[in-house]
PDB file of N, CA and C in Angstrom:
ATOM      1  N   MET A   1      40.511  18.551 -15.145  1.00  0.00           N
ATOM      2  CA  MET A   1      40.278  19.736 -16.165  1.00  0.00           C
ATOM      3  C   MET A   1      40.542  20.961 -14.774  1.00  0.00           C
ATOM      4  N   LYS A   2      40.497  22.263 -15.211  1.00  0.00           N
ATOM      5  CA  LYS A   2      40.196  23.354 -14.312  1.00  0.00           C
ATOM      6  C   LYS A   2      39.677  24.348 -14.851  1.00  0.00           C
ATOM      7  N   ILE A   3      39.107  25.376 -14.254  1.00  0.00           N
ATOM      8  CA  ILE A   3      38.946  26.670 -15.042  1.00  0.00           C
ATOM      9  C   ILE A   3      39.191  27.478 -14.030  1.00  0.00           C
ATOM     10  N   LYS A   4      39.911  28.598 -14.189  1.00  0.00           N
ATOM     11  CA  LYS A   4      40.296  29.848 -13.188  1.00  0.00           C
ATOM     12  C   LYS A   4      39.361  31.229 -13.763  1.00  0.00           C
ATOM     13  N   MET A   5      38.603  31.475 -13.084  1.00  0.00           N
ATOM     14  CA  MET A   5      37.684  32.989 -13.488  1.00  0.00           C
ATOM     15  C   MET A   5      38.553  34.005 -13.072  1.00  0.00           C
ATOM     16  N   VAL A   6      38.751  35.221 -13.672  1.00  0.00           N
ATOM     17  CA  VAL A   6      39.429  36.477 -13.394  1.00  0.00           C
ATOM     18  C   VAL A   6      38.611  37.830 -13.792  1.00  0.00           C
ATOM     19  N   HIS A   7      38.434  38.521 -12.429  1.00  0.00           N
ATOM     20  CA  HIS A   7      37.629  39.595 -12.740  1.00  0.00           C
ATOM     21  C   HIS A   7      38.453  40.864 -12.445  1.00  0.00           C
ATOM     22  N   ALA A   8      38.115  42.044 -13.298  1.00  0.00           N
ATOM     23  CA  ALA A   8      38.693  43.419 -12.734  1.00  0.00           C
ATOM     24  C   ALA A   8      37.453  44.320 -13.305  1.00  0.00           C
ATOM     25  N   ASP A   9      37.766  45.675 -13.221  1.00  0.00           N
ATOM     26  CA  ASP A   9      37.316  46.868 -13.023  1.00  0.00           C
ATOM     27  C   ASP A   9      37.610  47.555 -14.393  1.00  0.00           C
ATOM     28  N   ASN A  10      38.667  47.078 -14.836  1.00  0.00           N
ATOM     29  CA  ASN A  10      39.564  47.509 -16.583  1.00  0.00           C
ATOM     30  C   ASN A  10      40.110  46.230 -17.215  1.00  0.00           C
ATOM     31  N   VAL A  11      40.461  46.654 -18.336  1.00  0.00           N
ATOM     32  CA  VAL A  11      41.049  45.496 -19.489  1.00  0.00           C
ATOM     33  C   VAL A  11      42.487  45.466 -18.652  1.00  0.00           C
ATOM     34  N   ALA A  12      43.332  46.504 -18.448  1.00  0.00           N
ATOM     35  CA  ALA A  12      44.557  46.421 -17.824  1.00  0.00           C
ATOM     36  C   ALA A  12      44.831  45.868 -16.993  1.00  0.00           C
ATOM     37  N   GLU A  13      43.850  45.968 -15.977  1.00  0.00           N
ATOM     38  CA  GLU A  13      44.164  45.081 -14.743  1.00  0.00           C
ATOM     39  C   GLU A  13      43.775  43.856 -15.289  1.00  0.00           C
ATOM     40  N   LEU A  14      42.653  43.299 -15.725  1.00  0.00           N
ATOM     41  CA  LEU A  14      42.319  42.098 -15.829  1.00  0.00           C
ATOM     42  C   LEU A  14      43.498  41.592 -16.725  1.00  0.00           C
ATOM     43  N   SER A  15      44.089  42.166 -17.858  1.00  0.00           N
ATOM     44  CA  SER A  15      45.230  41.722 -18.119  1.00  0.00           C
ATOM     45  C   SER A  15      46.537  41.103 -17.400  1.00  0.00           C
ATOM     46  N   SER A  16      46.840  42.125 -16.360  1.00  0.00           N
ATOM     47  CA  SER A  16      47.614  41.868 -15.065  1.00  0.00           C
ATOM     48  C   SER A  16      47.359  40.774 -14.287  1.00  0.00           C
ATOM     49  N   ARG A  17      46.230  40.749 -13.954  1.00  0.00           N
ATOM     50  CA  ARG A  17      45.714  39.700 -13.151  1.00  0.00           C
ATOM     51  C   ARG A  17      45.545  38.246 -13.981  1.00  0.00           C
ATOM     52  N   VAL A  18      45.415  38.264 -15.001  1.00  0.00           N
ATOM     53  CA  VAL A  18      45.483  36.676 -15.997  1.00  0.00           C
ATOM     54  C   VAL A  18      46.858  36.025 -16.159  1.00  0.00           C
ATOM     55  N   TRP A  19      47.413  37.268 -16.370  1.00  0.00           N
ATOM     56  CA  TRP A  19      48.970  36.945 -16.230  1.00  0.00           C
ATOM     57  C   TRP A  19      49.822  36.082 -14.811  1.00  0.00           C
ATOM     58  N   GLU A  20      49.307  37.015 -13.802  1.00  0.00           N
ATOM     59  CA  GLU A  20      49.560  36.392 -12.504  1.00  0.00           C
ATOM     60  C   GLU A  20      48.740  34.765 -12.198  1.00  0.00           C
ATOM     61  N   VAL A  21      47.750  34.598 -12.768  1.00  0.00           N
ATOM     62  CA  VAL A  21      47.021  33.258 -12.292  1.00  0.00           C
ATOM     63  C   VAL A  21      47.529  32.347 -13.395  1.00  0.00           C
ATOM     64  N   ASP A  22      47.916  32.928 -14.756  1.00  0.00           N
ATOM     65  CA  ASP A  22      48.653  31.608 -15.537  1.00  0.00           C
ATOM     66  C   ASP A  22      49.960  31.406 -14.957  1.00  0.00           C
ATOM     67  N   LYS A  23      50.673  32.395 -14.499  1.00  0.00           N
ATOM     68  CA  LYS A  23      52.122  32.130 -14.205  1.00  0.00           C
ATOM     69  C   LYS A  23      52.078  30.991 -12.615  1.00  0.00           C
ATOM     70  N   ALA A  24      50.989  31.472 -11.807  1.00  0.00           N
ATOM     71  CA  ALA A  24      50.743  30.670 -10.784  1.00  0.00           C
ATOM     72  C   ALA A  24      50.486  29.043 -11.211  1.00  0.00           C
ATOM     73  N   GLN A  25      50.230  28.554 -12.320  1.00  0.00           N
ATOM     74  CA  GLN A  25      49.779  27.352 -12.847  1.00  0.00           C
ATOM     75  C   GLN A  25      50.777  26.446 -12.399  1.00  0.00           C
ATOM     76  N   ASP A  26      50.718  24.935 -12.323  1.00  0.00           N
ATOM     77  CA  ASP A  26      51.503  23.692 -12.519  1.00  0.00           C
ATOM     78  C   ASP A  26      51.949  23.878 -13.964  1.00  0.00           C
ATOM     79  N   ILE A  27      53.314  23.449 -13.686  1.00  0.00           N
ATOM     80  CA  ILE A  27      53.964  23.389 -15.382  1.00  0.00           C
ATOM     81  C   ILE A  27      53.533  22.633 -15.905  1.00  0.00           C
ATOM     82  N   ASP A  28      52.735  21.362 -15.444  1.00  0.00           N
ATOM     83  CA  ASP A  28      52.167  20.159 -16.215  1.00  0.00           C
ATOM     84  C   ASP A  28      50.858  20.561 -16.783  1.00  0.00           C
ATOM     85  N   ASP A  29      50.077  21.805 -16.356  1.00  0.00           N
ATOM     86  CA  ASP A  29      48.589  22.270 -16.921  1.00  0.00           C
ATOM     87  C   ASP A  29      49.121  23.255 -18.236  1.00  0.00           C
ATOM     88  N   GLU A  30      48.204  22.445 -19.120  1.00  0.00           N
ATOM     89  CA  GLU A  30      48.230  23.227 -20.424  1.00  0.00           C
ATOM     90  C   GLU A  30      46.959  24.174 -20.484  1.00  0.00           C
ATOM     91  N   LEU A  31      47.373  25.413 -21.101  1.00  0.00           N
ATOM     92  CA  LEU A  31      46.238  26.389 -21.067  1.00  0.00           C
ATOM     93  C   LEU A  31      45.329  25.639 -22.549  1.00  0.00           C
ATOM     94  N   LEU A  32      44.226  25.501 -22.280  1.00  0.00           N
ATOM     95  CA  LEU A  32      43.333  25.271 -23.570  1.00  0.00           C
ATOM     96  C   LEU A  32      42.518  26.203 -24.053  1.00  0.00           C
ATOM     97  N   ASP A  33      42.127  26.772 -23.484  1.00  0.00           N
ATOM     98  CA  ASP A  33      40.995  27.945 -23.971  1.00  0.00           C
ATOM     99  C   ASP A  33      41.124  29.188 -22.843  1.00  0.00           C
ATOM    100  N   VAL A  34      40.760  30.333 -23.470  1.00  0.00           N
ATOM    101  CA  VAL A  34      40.511  31.637 -22.791  1.00  0.00           C
ATOM    102  C   VAL A  34      39.198  32.190 -23.498  1.00  0.00           C
ATOM    103  N   GLU A  35      38.501  32.645 -22.427  1.00  0.00           N
ATOM    104  CA  GLU A  35      37.132  33.560 -22.827  1.00  0.00           C
ATOM    105  C   GLU A  35      37.166  34.626 -22.275  1.00  0.00           C
ATOM    106  N   PHE A  36      36.559  35.333 -22.858  1.00  0.00           N
ATOM    107  CA  PHE A  36      36.276  36.769 -22.330  1.00  0.00           C
ATOM    108  C   PHE A  36      34.934  37.469 -22.558  1.00  0.00           C
ATOM    109  N   ASP A  37      34.753  38.027 -21.457  1.00  0.00           N
ATOM    110  CA  ASP A  37      33.398  38.857 -21.401  1.00  0.00           C
ATOM    111  C   ASP A  37      33.410  39.952 -20.573  1.00  0.00           C
ATOM    112  N   PHE A  38      32.320  40.669 -20.559  1.00  0.00           N
ATOM    113  CA  PHE A  38      32.226  41.738 -19.259  1.00  0.00           C
ATOM    114  C   PHE A  38      30.586  41.960 -18.955  1.00  0.00           C
ATOM    115  N   ILE A  39      30.521  42.367 -17.850  1.00  0.00           N
ATOM    116  CA  ILE A  39      29.188  42.696 -17.385  1.00  0.00           C
ATOM    117  C   ILE A  39      28.826  43.844 -16.985  1.00  0.00           C
ATOM    118  N   LYS A  40      27.775  44.566 -17.697  1.00  0.00           N
ATOM    119  CA  LYS A  40      27.356  45.890 -17.637  1.00  0.00           C
ATOM    120  C   LYS A  40      26.779  46.155 -16.000  1.00  0.00           C
ATOM    121  N   VAL A  41      27.039  46.689 -15.099  1.00  0.00           N
ATOM    122  CA  VAL A  41      26.800  46.864 -13.924  1.00  0.00           C
ATOM    123  C   VAL A  41      25.866  47.986 -13.688  1.00  0.00           C
ATOM    124  N   SER A  42      26.236  49.134 -14.631  1.00  0.00           N
ATOM    125  CA  SER A  42      25.428  50.338 -14.446  1.00  0.00           C
ATOM    126  C   SER A  42      25.828  51.141 -15.768  1.00  0.00           C
ATOM    127  N   ASP A  43      25.381  52.294 -16.219  1.00  0.00           N
ATOM    128  CA  ASP A  43      25.731  53.025 -16.980  1.00  0.00           C
ATOM    129  C   ASP A  43      27.207  53.603 -17.175  1.00  0.00           C
ATOM    130  N   SER A  44      27.596  53.609 -15.765  1.00  0.00           N
ATOM    131  CA  SER A  44      28.999  53.811 -15.923  1.00  0.00           C
ATOM    132  C   SER A  44      30.114  52.951 -15.375  1.00  0.00           C
ATOM    133  N   LYS A  45      29.469  51.677 -15.026  1.00  0.00           N
ATOM    134  CA  LYS A  45      30.223  50.428 -14.496  1.00  0.00           C
ATOM    135  C   LYS A  45      30.183  49.393 -15.086  1.00  0.00           C
ATOM    136  N   MET A  46      31.313  48.667 -15.217  1.00  0.00           N
ATOM    137  CA  MET A  46      31.594  47.213 -16.207  1.00  0.00           C
ATOM    138  C   MET A  46      32.653  46.590 -15.065  1.00  0.00           C
ATOM    139  N   ILE A  47      32.375  45.276 -15.332  1.00  0.00           N
ATOM    140  CA  ILE A  47      33.248  44.397 -15.000  1.00  0.00           C
ATOM    141  C   ILE A  47      33.547  43.648 -15.940  1.00  0.00           C
ATOM    142  N   TYR A  48      34.892  43.297 -16.213  1.00  0.00           N
ATOM    143  CA  TYR A  48      35.491  42.736 -17.198  1.00  0.00           C
ATOM    144  C   TYR A  48      35.788  41.138 -16.604  1.00  0.00           C
ATOM    145  N   CYS A  49      35.276  40.311 -17.226  1.00  0.00           N
ATOM    146  CA  CYS A  49      35.932  38.811 -16.848  1.00  0.00           C
ATOM    147  C   CYS A  49      36.506  37.870 -17.979  1.00  0.00           C
ATOM    148  N   GLU A  50      37.506  37.083 -17.541  1.00  0.00           N
ATOM    149  CA  GLU A  50      38.214  36.385 -18.301  1.00  0.00           C
ATOM    150  C   GLU A  50      38.177  34.969 -17.593  1.00  0.00           C
ATOM    151  N   ALA A  51      37.864  33.877 -18.392  1.00  0.00           N
ATOM    152  CA  ALA A  51      37.923  32.498 -17.748  1.00  0.00           C
ATOM    153  C   ALA A  51      39.220  31.562 -18.317  1.00  0.00           C
ATOM    154  N   LEU A  52      40.017  30.786 -17.670  1.00  0.00           N
ATOM    155  CA  LEU A  52      41.162  30.355 -18.278  1.00  0.00           C
ATOM    156  C   LEU A  52      40.933  28.682 -18.097  1.00  0.00           C
ATOM    157  N   VAL A  53      41.066  28.159 -18.925  1.00  0.00           N
ATOM    158  CA  VAL A  53      40.567  26.609 -19.238  1.00  0.00           C
ATOM    159  C   VAL A  53      41.831  25.781 -19.028  1.00  0.00           C
ATOM    160  N   TYR A  54      42.040  24.914 -18.148  1.00  0.00           N
ATOM    161  CA  TYR A  54      43.534  24.414 -18.244  1.00  0.00           C
ATOM    162  C   TYR A  54      43.167  22.856 -18.202  1.00  0.00           C
ATOM    163  N   ARG A  55      43.885  22.083 -18.979  1.00  0.00           N
ATOM    164  CA  ARG A  55      43.716  20.403 -18.655  1.00  0.00           C
ATOM    165  C   ARG A  55      44.952  20.531 -17.824  1.00  0.00           C
ATOM    166  N   THR A  56      44.945  19.538 -16.843  1.00  0.00           N
ATOM    167  CA  THR A  56      45.731  19.306 -15.649  1.00  0.00           C
ATOM    168  C   THR A  56      46.877  18.083 -16.065  1.00  0.00           C
ATOM    169  N   GLY A  57      48.079  17.949 -15.471  1.00  0.00           N
ATOM    170  CA  GLY A  57      48.904  17.364 -16.093  1.00  0.00           C
ATOM    171  C   GLY A  57      48.555  15.915 -15.802  1.00  0.00           C
ATOM    172  N   ASP A  58      47.522  15.459 -15.145  1.00  0.00           N
ATOM    173  CA  ASP A  58      47.221  13.932 -14.893  1.00  0.00           C
ATOM    174  C   ASP A  58      45.675  13.684 -15.543  1.00  0.00           C
ATOM    175  N   ASP A  59      45.359  14.663 -16.481  1.00  0.00           N
ATOM    176  CA  ASP A  59      43.881  14.830 -16.854  1.00  0.00           C
ATOM    177  C   ASP A  59      43.940  14.316 -18.376  1.00  0.00           C
ATOM    178  N   ASP A  60      42.904  13.321 -18.774  1.00  0.00           N
ATOM    179  CA  ASP A  60      42.850  12.625 -20.382  1.00  0.00           C
ATOM    180  C   ASP A  60      41.707  13.324 -20.802  1.00  0.00           C
ATOM    181  N   GLU A  61      40.593  13.955 -19.891  1.00  0.00           N
ATOM    182  CA  GLU A  61      39.695  14.343 -20.348  1.00  0.00           C
ATOM    183  C   GLU A  61      39.503  14.999 -21.788  1.00  0.00           C
ATOM    184  N   GLU A  62      38.516  14.788 -22.464  1.00  0.00           N
ATOM    185  CA  GLU A  62      38.640  16.014 -23.852  1.00  0.00           C
ATOM    186  C   GLU A  62      37.214  16.929 -23.395  1.00  0.00           C
ATOM    187  N   LEU A  63      37.541  18.032 -24.300  1.00  0.00           N
ATOM    188  CA  LEU A  63      36.364  19.266 -23.850  1.00  0.00           C
ATOM    189  C   LEU A  63      35.414  18.564 -24.941  1.00  0.00           C
TER     190      LEU A  63
END
Protein backbone atom coordinates (compact mmCIF):
# COMPACT_ATOMS: atom_id res chain seq x y z
CA MET A 1 0.00 0.00 0.00
CA LYS A 2 1.20 3.52 -0.66
CA ILE A 3 -0.09 6.99 0.14
CA LYS A 4 0.55 10.05 -1.98
CA MET A 5 0.05 13.47 -0.37
CA VAL A 6 -0.74 16.44 -2.60
CA HIS A 7 -1.08 20.07 -1.49
CA ALA A 8 -1.80 23.41 -3.17
CA ASP A 9 -2.86 26.99 -2.51
CA ASN A 10 -6.29 26.60 -4.12
CA VAL A 11 -8.75 23.86 -5.07
CA ALA A 12 -8.22 24.20 -8.84
CA GLU A 13 -4.46 23.76 -8.48
CA LEU A 14 -5.01 20.84 -6.10
CA SER A 15 -7.28 19.09 -8.60
CA SER A 16 -4.69 19.50 -11.34
CA ARG A 17 -1.88 18.13 -9.15
CA VAL A 18 -4.00 15.19 -7.98
CA TRP A 19 -4.77 14.30 -11.59
CA GLU A 20 -1.03 14.40 -12.44
CA VAL A 21 -0.11 12.20 -9.45
CA ASP A 22 -2.86 9.70 -10.22
CA LYS A 23 -1.85 9.53 -13.89
CA ALA A 24 1.78 8.80 -12.92
CA GLN A 25 0.92 5.67 -10.86
CA ASP A 26 1.61 2.14 -12.08
CA ILE A 27 -1.24 0.55 -14.01
CA ASP A 28 -1.45 -2.19 -11.34
CA ASP A 29 -2.00 0.32 -8.52
CA GLU A 30 -5.64 0.55 -7.44
CA LEU A 31 -6.94 3.80 -5.95
CA LEU A 32 -8.69 2.79 -2.73
CA ASP A 33 -9.49 6.07 -1.01
CA VAL A 34 -9.15 9.84 -1.27
CA GLU A 35 -9.20 12.15 1.73
CA PHE A 36 -9.47 15.94 1.47
CA ASP A 37 -8.61 18.51 4.13
CA PHE A 38 -7.35 22.05 4.51
CA ILE A 39 -5.04 23.87 6.86
CA LYS A 40 -5.75 27.47 7.84
CA VAL A 41 -2.34 29.17 7.91
CA SER A 42 -3.68 32.65 8.64
CA ASP A 43 -6.90 34.64 8.24
CA SER A 44 -6.15 35.07 4.55
CA LYS A 45 -4.18 31.90 3.71
CA MET A 46 -5.30 28.26 3.36
CA ILE A 47 -3.43 25.19 2.18
CA TYR A 48 -5.55 22.47 0.59
CA CYS A 49 -4.42 18.85 0.98
CA GLU A 50 -5.48 15.55 -0.52
CA ALA A 51 -4.24 12.06 0.30
CA LEU A 52 -4.55 9.31 -2.29
CA VAL A 53 -4.34 5.75 -0.95
CA TYR A 54 -3.31 3.04 -3.41
CA ARG A 55 -3.10 -0.72 -3.23
CA THR A 56 0.01 -1.70 -5.13
CA GLY A 57 -0.10 -4.52 -7.66
CA ASP A 58 1.75 -6.92 -5.37
CA ASP A 59 0.05 -5.86 -2.12
CA ASP A 60 -2.52 -8.13 -0.45
CA GLU A 61 -2.76 -6.06 2.73
CA GLU A 62 -6.26 -5.01 3.83
CA LEU A 63 -7.06 -1.55 5.22
